[in-house]
N, C-alpha and C. Protein backbone atom coordinates (compact mmCIF):
# COMPACT_ATOMS: atom_id res chain seq x y z
N MET A 1 -83.67 -75.73 173.34
CA MET A 1 -83.29 -76.22 174.75
C MET A 1 -84.74 -75.76 175.68
N CYS A 2 -84.48 -77.10 176.89
CA CYS A 2 -85.65 -77.03 177.74
C CYS A 2 -84.96 -76.37 179.21
N LEU A 3 -85.90 -75.80 179.82
CA LEU A 3 -85.72 -75.44 181.00
C LEU A 3 -86.45 -75.48 182.12
N ALA A 4 -86.38 -76.28 182.90
CA ALA A 4 -87.23 -76.70 184.03
C ALA A 4 -86.61 -75.53 185.41
N ILE A 5 -88.05 -75.25 186.14
CA ILE A 5 -87.93 -74.24 187.57
C ILE A 5 -88.29 -75.25 188.58
N PRO A 6 -87.12 -74.93 189.51
CA PRO A 6 -87.57 -75.61 191.10
C PRO A 6 -88.83 -74.84 191.53
N MET A 7 -89.89 -75.56 191.71
CA MET A 7 -90.73 -74.69 192.72
C MET A 7 -91.26 -75.61 193.79
N ARG A 8 -92.01 -75.21 194.93
CA ARG A 8 -92.38 -75.45 195.91
C ARG A 8 -93.84 -75.57 195.91
N ILE A 9 -94.21 -76.76 196.45
CA ILE A 9 -95.90 -76.95 196.30
C ILE A 9 -96.33 -76.36 197.54
N GLY A 10 -97.39 -75.33 197.54
CA GLY A 10 -98.21 -74.55 198.70
C GLY A 10 -99.33 -75.28 198.64
N GLU A 11 -100.18 -75.88 197.82
CA GLU A 11 -101.57 -75.86 197.58
C GLU A 11 -101.50 -77.07 196.81
N ILE A 12 -102.87 -77.93 196.66
CA ILE A 12 -103.21 -78.98 195.62
C ILE A 12 -104.84 -78.78 196.00
N ASN A 13 -105.13 -78.51 194.46
CA ASN A 13 -106.43 -79.03 194.44
C ASN A 13 -106.62 -79.57 192.92
N GLY A 14 -106.99 -80.86 193.18
CA GLY A 14 -106.95 -81.88 192.23
C GLY A 14 -105.59 -82.43 191.53
N TYR A 15 -105.41 -82.06 190.17
CA TYR A 15 -104.40 -81.92 189.32
C TYR A 15 -103.90 -80.38 189.42
N LEU A 16 -104.22 -79.38 190.17
CA LEU A 16 -103.70 -78.34 189.92
C LEU A 16 -102.93 -78.09 190.96
N ALA A 17 -101.72 -77.46 190.92
CA ALA A 17 -100.95 -76.82 192.36
C ALA A 17 -100.39 -75.36 192.36
N ARG A 18 -100.54 -74.93 193.76
CA ARG A 18 -100.27 -73.76 193.40
C ARG A 18 -98.87 -73.63 194.19
N CYS A 19 -97.58 -73.27 193.31
CA CYS A 19 -96.20 -73.61 193.57
C CYS A 19 -95.59 -72.32 193.43
N GLU A 20 -94.58 -71.90 194.62
CA GLU A 20 -93.77 -71.07 194.58
C GLU A 20 -92.20 -70.86 194.79
N ALA A 21 -91.74 -70.01 193.86
CA ALA A 21 -90.36 -70.10 193.56
C ALA A 21 -89.82 -68.50 193.59
N LYS A 22 -89.26 -68.21 194.88
CA LYS A 22 -88.56 -66.70 194.58
C LYS A 22 -89.74 -65.78 194.81
N GLY A 23 -90.32 -66.24 195.69
CA GLY A 23 -91.82 -65.23 196.03
C GLY A 23 -92.65 -65.32 194.45
N ILE A 24 -92.73 -65.47 193.69
CA ILE A 24 -93.31 -65.96 192.56
C ILE A 24 -94.44 -67.29 192.74
N GLU A 25 -95.38 -66.89 192.84
CA GLU A 25 -96.33 -68.08 192.34
C GLU A 25 -96.97 -68.35 191.24
N ARG A 26 -97.42 -69.51 191.03
CA ARG A 26 -97.93 -69.81 189.69
C ARG A 26 -98.65 -71.39 190.07
N ASP A 27 -100.00 -71.21 189.11
CA ASP A 27 -100.32 -72.45 189.27
C ASP A 27 -99.71 -73.34 188.21
N VAL A 28 -99.59 -74.80 188.85
CA VAL A 28 -98.96 -75.60 187.73
C VAL A 28 -99.65 -76.90 188.10
N SER A 29 -99.82 -77.49 186.60
CA SER A 29 -100.31 -79.38 186.46
C SER A 29 -99.83 -80.10 186.81
N LEU A 30 -100.29 -80.95 187.83
CA LEU A 30 -99.68 -81.98 188.48
C LEU A 30 -100.22 -83.47 187.22
N PHE A 31 -100.57 -83.23 186.24
CA PHE A 31 -101.15 -83.99 185.37
C PHE A 31 -100.12 -85.31 185.29
N MET A 32 -99.05 -85.03 184.76
CA MET A 32 -97.60 -85.77 184.47
C MET A 32 -97.14 -86.40 185.74
N LEU A 33 -97.81 -86.14 186.72
CA LEU A 33 -97.03 -86.93 188.34
C LEU A 33 -98.11 -87.45 188.98
N GLN A 34 -99.34 -87.79 188.31
CA GLN A 34 -100.30 -88.10 189.03
C GLN A 34 -100.22 -89.47 190.20
N ASP A 35 -99.46 -90.13 189.38
CA ASP A 35 -98.84 -91.05 190.24
C ASP A 35 -97.71 -91.32 191.30
N ASP A 36 -97.38 -90.44 191.50
CA ASP A 36 -96.00 -90.19 191.92
C ASP A 36 -95.99 -89.71 193.54
N GLY A 37 -97.40 -89.20 194.16
CA GLY A 37 -97.67 -89.25 195.35
C GLY A 37 -97.31 -88.01 195.83
N ILE A 38 -97.37 -87.04 195.18
CA ILE A 38 -97.19 -85.91 195.37
C ILE A 38 -97.92 -85.10 196.35
N ALA A 39 -97.21 -84.19 197.24
CA ALA A 39 -98.00 -83.60 198.56
C ALA A 39 -97.31 -81.98 198.43
N VAL A 40 -97.98 -81.60 199.39
CA VAL A 40 -97.88 -80.14 199.74
C VAL A 40 -96.61 -80.14 200.68
N GLY A 41 -95.55 -78.94 200.23
CA GLY A 41 -94.52 -78.88 200.60
C GLY A 41 -93.17 -79.42 199.99
N ASP A 42 -93.87 -80.81 198.72
CA ASP A 42 -92.95 -81.01 198.36
C ASP A 42 -92.27 -80.07 196.83
N PHE A 43 -91.09 -80.32 196.35
CA PHE A 43 -90.60 -79.67 195.49
C PHE A 43 -90.67 -80.51 193.91
N VAL A 44 -91.22 -79.75 192.76
CA VAL A 44 -91.12 -79.98 191.65
C VAL A 44 -90.12 -79.46 190.79
N MET A 45 -90.11 -80.15 189.83
CA MET A 45 -89.46 -79.29 188.45
C MET A 45 -90.73 -79.00 187.30
N VAL A 46 -90.63 -77.23 187.00
CA VAL A 46 -92.08 -77.11 186.08
C VAL A 46 -91.29 -76.31 185.07
N HIS A 47 -92.03 -76.92 183.98
CA HIS A 47 -91.56 -76.86 182.27
C HIS A 47 -92.75 -76.35 181.55
N VAL A 48 -92.93 -75.41 181.19
CA VAL A 48 -94.40 -74.54 180.54
C VAL A 48 -95.10 -75.25 181.41
N GLY A 49 -95.45 -74.86 182.52
CA GLY A 49 -97.00 -74.86 183.59
C GLY A 49 -97.11 -76.61 183.90
N TYR A 50 -96.07 -77.30 183.88
CA TYR A 50 -96.48 -78.72 184.00
C TYR A 50 -95.31 -78.99 184.90
N ALA A 51 -95.66 -79.91 185.88
CA ALA A 51 -94.44 -80.16 187.33
C ALA A 51 -94.28 -81.82 186.14
N ILE A 52 -92.95 -81.50 186.02
CA ILE A 52 -92.57 -82.91 185.31
C ILE A 52 -91.47 -83.78 186.19
N GLN A 53 -91.42 -83.41 187.40
CA GLN A 53 -90.30 -84.64 188.16
C GLN A 53 -90.21 -84.06 189.51
N LYS A 54 -90.35 -84.86 190.42
CA LYS A 54 -90.56 -84.52 191.63
C LYS A 54 -89.05 -84.37 191.97
N VAL A 55 -88.21 -83.50 192.96
CA VAL A 55 -87.01 -83.50 193.29
C VAL A 55 -86.88 -83.07 194.95
N ALA A 56 -85.71 -83.15 195.34
CA ALA A 56 -85.40 -83.32 196.44
C ALA A 56 -85.21 -81.82 196.93
N PRO A 57 -85.47 -81.31 197.99
CA PRO A 57 -84.96 -79.79 198.35
C PRO A 57 -83.69 -79.39 198.18
N ALA A 58 -82.89 -80.53 198.53
CA ALA A 58 -81.54 -79.81 198.47
C ALA A 58 -81.20 -79.92 196.73
N ASP A 59 -81.94 -80.59 195.85
CA ASP A 59 -81.76 -80.28 194.45
C ASP A 59 -82.57 -79.21 193.94
N ALA A 60 -83.28 -78.86 194.73
CA ALA A 60 -83.75 -77.77 194.14
C ALA A 60 -83.45 -76.36 194.61
N GLU A 61 -82.96 -76.35 195.76
CA GLU A 61 -81.48 -75.53 196.21
C GLU A 61 -80.41 -75.15 195.34
N SER A 62 -80.02 -76.71 194.98
CA SER A 62 -78.39 -76.31 194.36
C SER A 62 -79.00 -75.79 192.85
N ALA A 63 -80.22 -76.10 192.22
CA ALA A 63 -80.53 -75.34 190.98
C ALA A 63 -80.65 -74.11 190.82
N TRP A 64 -81.17 -73.40 192.35
CA TRP A 64 -81.36 -72.05 192.32
C TRP A 64 -80.41 -71.34 192.45
N GLU A 65 -79.11 -72.16 193.25
CA GLU A 65 -78.02 -71.34 193.09
C GLU A 65 -76.98 -71.04 192.17
N LEU A 66 -77.43 -72.14 191.08
CA LEU A 66 -76.63 -71.92 189.91
C LEU A 66 -77.39 -71.30 189.02
N PHE A 67 -78.77 -70.71 189.36
CA PHE A 67 -79.41 -69.68 188.21
C PHE A 67 -78.97 -68.37 189.28
N ASP A 68 -79.17 -68.52 190.12
CA ASP A 68 -78.50 -67.27 190.69
C ASP A 68 -77.24 -66.46 190.20
N GLU A 69 -76.34 -67.56 190.43
CA GLU A 69 -75.14 -67.59 189.98
C GLU A 69 -75.04 -66.98 188.33
N ALA A 70 -76.00 -67.73 187.33
CA ALA A 70 -76.00 -67.28 186.08
C ALA A 70 -76.41 -66.04 185.74
N LEU A 71 -77.35 -65.89 186.58
CA LEU A 71 -77.96 -64.11 186.55
C LEU A 71 -77.28 -63.28 186.85
N GLY A 72 -76.69 -63.42 188.09
CA GLY A 72 -75.59 -62.38 188.41
C GLY A 72 -74.52 -61.90 187.25
N LEU A 73 -73.79 -63.40 186.96
CA LEU A 73 -73.02 -63.12 185.57
C LEU A 73 -73.43 -62.19 184.53
N ILE A 74 -74.60 -62.51 184.32
CA ILE A 74 -75.50 -61.81 183.04
C ILE A 74 -75.53 -60.20 183.52
N GLU A 75 -75.96 -60.06 184.61
CA GLU A 75 -76.16 -58.61 185.24
C GLU A 75 -74.56 -57.98 185.08
N ARG A 76 -73.53 -58.48 185.44
CA ARG A 76 -72.20 -57.98 185.40
C ARG A 76 -71.68 -57.89 184.12
N THR A 77 -72.41 -58.45 183.06
CA THR A 77 -71.55 -58.50 181.70
C THR A 77 -72.12 -57.03 180.69
N PRO A 78 -71.19 -56.51 181.07
CA PRO A 78 -71.74 -54.85 179.86
C PRO A 78 -71.95 -55.41 178.48
N ASN A 79 -72.99 -54.88 177.82
CA ASN A 79 -73.63 -55.06 176.38
C ASN A 79 -72.90 -54.62 175.49
């Protein structure tokens, strides 16, 4: 199974972007999206350090709502 996390681009330097999600920052490669007109402020789906798809802000927010809900269920489940 693969999991991609939506992150907001805060800074771009060539094919490398500094992205943020939930207060966590990571360096992310934009190499796979070099022809997609990516800009600071855009949201991208990140998988193993690579931006693999540009997404709308509403889609990024919806994904995080689902992640937060799933994580909340895990925290409430007794071992």
